[in-house]
Amino acid sequence: MEQPFHKDFLRQTPQHAETRKHLKELLANRQANGIIFTTMQKFEESSEALSTRRNIVVIADEAHRGQYGLTEKVVVNKKDNGEIEAKTVIGTARIIRDSLPNATYIGFTGT
């Protein structure tokens, strides 16, 4: 028996967001439905919200790697010249949640 093509199983054709701007456009051009694949790196390009809709579900694979870091922390480093440098680091999970503040999040992990 022939295996069904993914869009037959999903009842729609998944789309792939190439850039953060493309992801924002894909989300803006629909009120419901749709499957969009992207990588978490797209979220780190900006802190601007991609969408404030409540009917977005984010499913993350390998969540144990990229879904930590809901808080900000200050990291202090001493440079080679002896100068002290402090910077605020925001975790990936926080960046994603700021980008899609009203979404529902589901994470999967194998560990």
N, C-alpha and C. Protein backbone atom coordinates (compact mmCIF):
# COMPACT_ATOMS: atom_id res chain seq x y z
N MET A 1 0.84 -1.18 0.00
CA MET A 1 0.00 0.00 0.00
C MET A 1 0.89 1.25 0.00
N GLU A 2 0.52 2.21 -0.79
CA GLU A 2 1.30 3.43 -0.92
C GLU A 2 1.11 4.33 0.30
N GLN A 3 2.22 4.93 0.78
CA GLN A 3 2.17 5.84 1.93
C GLN A 3 1.55 7.17 1.49
N PRO A 4 0.69 7.77 2.33
CA PRO A 4 0.10 9.07 1.95
C PRO A 4 1.15 10.16 2.00
N PHE A 5 1.02 11.11 1.11
CA PHE A 5 1.88 12.29 1.10
C PHE A 5 1.54 13.14 2.31
N HIS A 6 2.49 13.83 2.89
CA HIS A 6 2.29 14.57 4.12
C HIS A 6 1.13 15.55 4.05
N LYS A 7 0.93 16.22 2.93
CA LYS A 7 -0.17 17.18 2.86
C LYS A 7 -1.53 16.47 2.87
N ASP A 8 -1.58 15.21 2.39
CA ASP A 8 -2.82 14.45 2.46
C ASP A 8 -3.15 14.12 3.91
N PHE A 9 -2.14 13.76 4.66
CA PHE A 9 -2.32 13.44 6.07
C PHE A 9 -2.67 14.69 6.89
N LEU A 10 -2.02 15.79 6.58
CA LEU A 10 -2.21 17.02 7.33
C LEU A 10 -3.40 17.85 6.83
N ARG A 11 -3.90 17.51 5.65
CA ARG A 11 -5.02 18.19 5.01
C ARG A 11 -4.68 19.61 4.57
N GLN A 12 -3.41 19.92 4.52
CA GLN A 12 -2.95 21.21 4.00
C GLN A 12 -1.46 21.09 3.72
N THR A 13 -0.96 21.99 2.92
CA THR A 13 0.45 21.96 2.57
C THR A 13 1.24 22.82 3.56
N PRO A 14 2.17 22.22 4.30
CA PRO A 14 2.99 23.01 5.22
C PRO A 14 3.84 24.02 4.46
N GLN A 15 4.11 25.15 5.09
CA GLN A 15 4.95 26.18 4.50
C GLN A 15 6.22 26.32 5.34
N HIS A 16 7.27 26.80 4.71
CA HIS A 16 8.54 27.00 5.40
C HIS A 16 8.87 28.48 5.40
N ALA A 17 9.01 29.07 6.58
CA ALA A 17 9.37 30.48 6.68
C ALA A 17 10.87 30.62 6.51
N GLU A 18 11.27 31.35 5.48
CA GLU A 18 12.69 31.51 5.16
C GLU A 18 13.38 32.55 6.02
N THR A 19 12.65 33.59 6.40
CA THR A 19 13.22 34.68 7.20
C THR A 19 12.20 35.08 8.26
N ARG A 20 12.62 35.92 9.19
CA ARG A 20 11.70 36.43 10.20
C ARG A 20 10.58 37.25 9.54
N LYS A 21 10.95 38.07 8.56
CA LYS A 21 9.96 38.87 7.84
C LYS A 21 8.94 37.96 7.14
N HIS A 22 9.43 36.89 6.52
CA HIS A 22 8.55 35.94 5.84
C HIS A 22 7.61 35.27 6.84
N LEU A 23 8.13 34.90 8.01
CA LEU A 23 7.30 34.29 9.05
C LEU A 23 6.20 35.25 9.50
N LYS A 24 6.55 36.51 9.68
CA LYS A 24 5.55 37.52 10.07
C LYS A 24 4.47 37.65 9.01
N GLU A 25 4.87 37.65 7.73
CA GLU A 25 3.90 37.74 6.63
C GLU A 25 2.98 36.52 6.60
N LEU A 26 3.55 35.33 6.79
CA LEU A 26 2.73 34.12 6.79
C LEU A 26 1.70 34.14 7.92
N LEU A 27 2.10 34.62 9.07
CA LEU A 27 1.18 34.71 10.20
C LEU A 27 0.13 35.79 10.00
N ALA A 28 0.51 36.90 9.38
CA ALA A 28 -0.41 38.02 9.19
C ALA A 28 -1.46 37.73 8.13
N ASN A 29 -1.15 36.87 7.18
CA ASN A 29 -2.06 36.62 6.06
C ASN A 29 -3.06 35.51 6.32
N ARG A 30 -3.26 35.16 7.57
CA ARG A 30 -4.26 34.14 7.90
C ARG A 30 -4.80 34.40 9.30
N GLN A 31 -6.03 34.04 9.49
CA GLN A 31 -6.65 34.17 10.82
C GLN A 31 -6.65 32.85 11.57
N ALA A 32 -6.59 31.76 10.83
CA ALA A 32 -6.59 30.43 11.45
C ALA A 32 -6.01 29.44 10.45
N ASN A 33 -5.73 28.25 10.94
CA ASN A 33 -5.20 27.15 10.14
C ASN A 33 -3.81 27.45 9.62
N GLY A 34 -3.17 26.45 9.14
CA GLY A 34 -1.84 26.61 8.56
C GLY A 34 -0.78 25.93 9.40
N ILE A 35 0.18 25.37 8.71
CA ILE A 35 1.34 24.76 9.35
C ILE A 35 2.57 25.44 8.77
N ILE A 36 3.35 26.04 9.65
CA ILE A 36 4.54 26.77 9.22
C ILE A 36 5.74 26.22 9.97
N PHE A 37 6.75 25.81 9.24
CA PHE A 37 7.99 25.33 9.83
C PHE A 37 9.03 26.44 9.78
N THR A 38 9.82 26.54 10.84
CA THR A 38 10.92 27.50 10.86
C THR A 38 11.93 27.06 11.90
N THR A 39 13.02 27.78 12.01
CA THR A 39 14.02 27.49 13.03
C THR A 39 14.00 28.59 14.09
N MET A 40 14.47 28.26 15.27
CA MET A 40 14.44 29.21 16.37
C MET A 40 15.34 30.41 16.12
N GLN A 41 16.35 30.27 15.28
CA GLN A 41 17.24 31.39 14.99
C GLN A 41 16.48 32.58 14.41
N LYS A 42 15.36 32.32 13.74
CA LYS A 42 14.56 33.40 13.16
C LYS A 42 14.03 34.34 14.24
N PHE A 43 13.87 33.84 15.46
CA PHE A 43 13.30 34.65 16.52
C PHE A 43 14.33 35.59 17.13
N GLU A 44 15.59 35.31 16.98
CA GLU A 44 16.63 36.08 17.63
C GLU A 44 17.01 37.35 16.87
N GLU A 45 16.46 37.55 15.70
CA GLU A 45 16.81 38.70 14.87
C GLU A 45 16.20 40.01 15.38
N SER A 46 15.13 39.91 16.18
CA SER A 46 14.42 41.11 16.63
C SER A 46 13.59 40.77 17.85
N SER A 47 13.23 41.80 18.62
CA SER A 47 12.38 41.57 19.78
C SER A 47 10.93 41.96 19.50
N GLU A 48 10.67 42.41 18.30
CA GLU A 48 9.32 42.81 17.91
C GLU A 48 8.39 41.59 17.84
N ALA A 49 7.16 41.75 18.30
CA ALA A 49 6.18 40.66 18.24
C ALA A 49 5.85 40.34 16.78
N LEU A 50 5.84 39.06 16.47
CA LEU A 50 5.46 38.61 15.12
C LEU A 50 3.95 38.59 14.96
N SER A 51 3.26 38.24 16.04
CA SER A 51 1.81 38.18 16.04
C SER A 51 1.34 38.16 17.49
N THR A 52 0.19 38.77 17.73
CA THR A 52 -0.40 38.72 19.07
C THR A 52 -1.64 37.82 19.10
N ARG A 53 -1.87 37.10 18.01
CA ARG A 53 -3.01 36.18 17.97
C ARG A 53 -2.90 35.13 19.07
N ARG A 54 -4.02 34.63 19.52
CA ARG A 54 -4.07 33.62 20.57
C ARG A 54 -4.20 32.20 20.01
N ASN A 55 -4.46 32.06 18.73
CA ASN A 55 -4.68 30.74 18.15
C ASN A 55 -3.44 30.21 17.43
N ILE A 56 -2.27 30.49 17.98
CA ILE A 56 -1.02 29.97 17.44
C ILE A 56 -0.48 28.94 18.42
N VAL A 57 -0.08 27.79 17.89
CA VAL A 57 0.52 26.75 18.70
C VAL A 57 1.95 26.54 18.21
N VAL A 58 2.90 26.67 19.11
CA VAL A 58 4.31 26.47 18.80
C VAL A 58 4.70 25.09 19.30
N ILE A 59 5.20 24.25 18.41
CA ILE A 59 5.66 22.91 18.79
C ILE A 59 7.16 22.87 18.55
N ALA A 60 7.91 22.62 19.61
CA ALA A 60 9.38 22.64 19.51
C ALA A 60 9.94 21.25 19.78
N ASP A 61 10.74 20.78 18.84
CA ASP A 61 11.48 19.54 19.03
C ASP A 61 12.78 19.88 19.74
N GLU A 62 13.35 18.92 20.44
CA GLU A 62 14.60 19.14 21.19
C GLU A 62 14.43 20.32 22.16
N ALA A 63 13.28 20.36 22.83
CA ALA A 63 12.96 21.48 23.72
C ALA A 63 13.95 21.62 24.87
N HIS A 64 14.60 20.53 25.24
CA HIS A 64 15.57 20.62 26.33
C HIS A 64 16.78 21.48 25.96
N ARG A 65 16.97 21.72 24.68
CA ARG A 65 18.11 22.54 24.23
C ARG A 65 17.76 24.00 24.06
N GLY A 66 16.60 24.29 23.52
CA GLY A 66 16.30 25.66 23.15
C GLY A 66 15.17 26.33 23.88
N GLN A 67 14.52 25.65 24.80
CA GLN A 67 13.36 26.25 25.45
C GLN A 67 13.64 26.65 26.89
N TYR A 68 14.90 26.77 27.24
CA TYR A 68 15.27 27.31 28.55
C TYR A 68 15.52 28.79 28.41
N GLY A 69 15.59 29.45 29.52
CA GLY A 69 15.96 30.85 29.51
C GLY A 69 14.78 31.80 29.43
N LEU A 70 13.87 31.71 30.38
CA LEU A 70 12.74 32.63 30.40
C LEU A 70 13.09 33.97 31.04
N THR A 71 14.19 34.02 31.74
CA THR A 71 14.57 35.25 32.44
C THR A 71 15.81 35.87 31.80
N GLU A 72 16.05 37.12 32.18
CA GLU A 72 17.27 37.81 31.76
C GLU A 72 18.33 37.58 32.83
N LYS A 73 19.58 37.58 32.42
CA LYS A 73 20.65 37.53 33.40
C LYS A 73 21.78 38.44 32.93
N VAL A 74 22.53 38.93 33.90
CA VAL A 74 23.67 39.78 33.60
C VAL A 74 24.92 38.91 33.64
N VAL A 75 25.68 38.95 32.56
CA VAL A 75 26.92 38.19 32.44
C VAL A 75 28.07 39.19 32.50
N VAL A 76 29.00 38.94 33.42
CA VAL A 76 30.15 39.82 33.60
C VAL A 76 31.39 39.07 33.12
N ASN A 77 32.15 39.71 32.23
CA ASN A 77 33.39 39.13 31.70
C ASN A 77 34.53 40.11 31.89
N LYS A 78 35.70 39.57 32.10
CA LYS A 78 36.90 40.40 32.16
C LYS A 78 37.64 40.22 30.85
N LYS A 79 37.84 41.32 30.15
CA LYS A 79 38.53 41.29 28.86
C LYS A 79 40.02 41.09 29.07
N ASP A 80 40.73 40.79 27.98
CA ASP A 80 42.18 40.59 28.04
C ASP A 80 42.93 41.83 28.54
N ASN A 81 42.36 43.00 28.27
CA ASN A 81 43.01 44.25 28.69
C ASN A 81 42.67 44.62 30.14
N GLY A 82 41.93 43.74 30.83
CA GLY A 82 41.57 43.98 32.22
C GLY A 82 40.26 44.71 32.42
N GLU A 83 39.68 45.19 31.34
CA GLU A 83 38.41 45.90 31.41
C GLU A 83 37.28 44.93 31.74
N ILE A 84 36.36 45.38 32.57
CA ILE A 84 35.20 44.57 32.94
C ILE A 84 34.04 44.93 32.00
N GLU A 85 33.41 43.91 31.47
CA GLU A 85 32.28 44.12 30.56
C GLU A 85 31.07 43.38 31.12
N ALA A 86 29.95 44.06 31.21
CA ALA A 86 28.71 43.45 31.67
C ALA A 86 27.67 43.59 30.57
N LYS A 87 26.95 42.52 30.29
CA LYS A 87 25.89 42.60 29.30
C LYS A 87 24.71 41.75 29.76
N THR A 88 23.54 42.16 29.30
CA THR A 88 22.32 41.43 29.62
C THR A 88 22.10 40.37 28.56
N VAL A 89 21.87 39.15 29.01
CA VAL A 89 21.62 38.03 28.10
C VAL A 89 20.18 37.57 28.31
N ILE A 90 19.46 37.45 27.22
CA ILE A 90 18.07 36.99 27.28
C ILE A 90 18.02 35.60 26.67
N GLY A 91 17.39 34.67 27.37
CA GLY A 91 17.31 33.29 26.90
C GLY A 91 16.43 33.14 25.67
N THR A 92 16.70 32.09 24.90
CA THR A 92 15.95 31.83 23.67
C THR A 92 14.46 31.67 23.93
N ALA A 93 14.10 30.99 24.99
CA ALA A 93 12.67 30.79 25.29
C ALA A 93 11.98 32.13 25.50
N ARG A 94 12.63 33.05 26.16
CA ARG A 94 12.05 34.38 26.40
C ARG A 94 11.90 35.14 25.08
N ILE A 95 12.89 35.06 24.21
CA ILE A 95 12.84 35.74 22.92
C ILE A 95 11.65 35.22 22.10
N ILE A 96 11.47 33.90 22.09
CA ILE A 96 10.37 33.31 21.33
C ILE A 96 9.03 33.73 21.92
N ARG A 97 8.92 33.70 23.24
CA ARG A 97 7.67 34.08 23.88
C ARG A 97 7.36 35.58 23.70
N ASP A 98 8.39 36.40 23.64
CA ASP A 98 8.16 37.82 23.34
C ASP A 98 7.70 38.00 21.90
N SER A 99 8.17 37.14 21.00
CA SER A 99 7.79 37.22 19.58
C SER A 99 6.36 36.75 19.34
N LEU A 100 5.92 35.77 20.11
CA LEU A 100 4.56 35.23 20.00
C LEU A 100 3.96 35.17 21.40
N PRO A 101 3.62 36.33 21.97
CA PRO A 101 3.26 36.41 23.38
C PRO A 101 2.00 35.67 23.80
N ASN A 102 1.08 35.43 22.90
CA ASN A 102 -0.18 34.78 23.28
C ASN A 102 -0.30 33.35 22.76
N ALA A 103 0.78 32.82 22.22
CA ALA A 103 0.77 31.46 21.67
C ALA A 103 0.76 30.42 22.79
N THR A 104 0.40 29.21 22.42
CA THR A 104 0.50 28.06 23.30
C THR A 104 1.76 27.30 22.91
N TYR A 105 2.51 26.85 23.90
CA TYR A 105 3.81 26.21 23.64
C TYR A 105 3.79 24.76 24.08
N ILE A 106 4.29 23.88 23.18
CA ILE A 106 4.43 22.46 23.47
C ILE A 106 5.86 22.08 23.09
N GLY A 107 6.56 21.43 23.99
CA GLY A 107 7.94 21.03 23.71
C GLY A 107 8.11 19.53 23.82
N PHE A 108 8.87 18.96 22.91
CA PHE A 108 9.20 17.54 22.93
C PHE A 108 10.69 17.37 23.12
N THR A 109 11.07 16.32 23.80
CA THR A 109 12.48 16.02 23.98
C THR A 109 12.67 14.51 24.11
N GLY A 110 13.83 14.06 23.74
CA GLY A 110 14.12 12.63 23.84
C GLY A 110 14.95 12.29 25.05
N THR A 111 15.30 13.28 25.86
CA THR A 111 16.12 13.00 27.04
C THR A 111 15.32 13.11 28.31
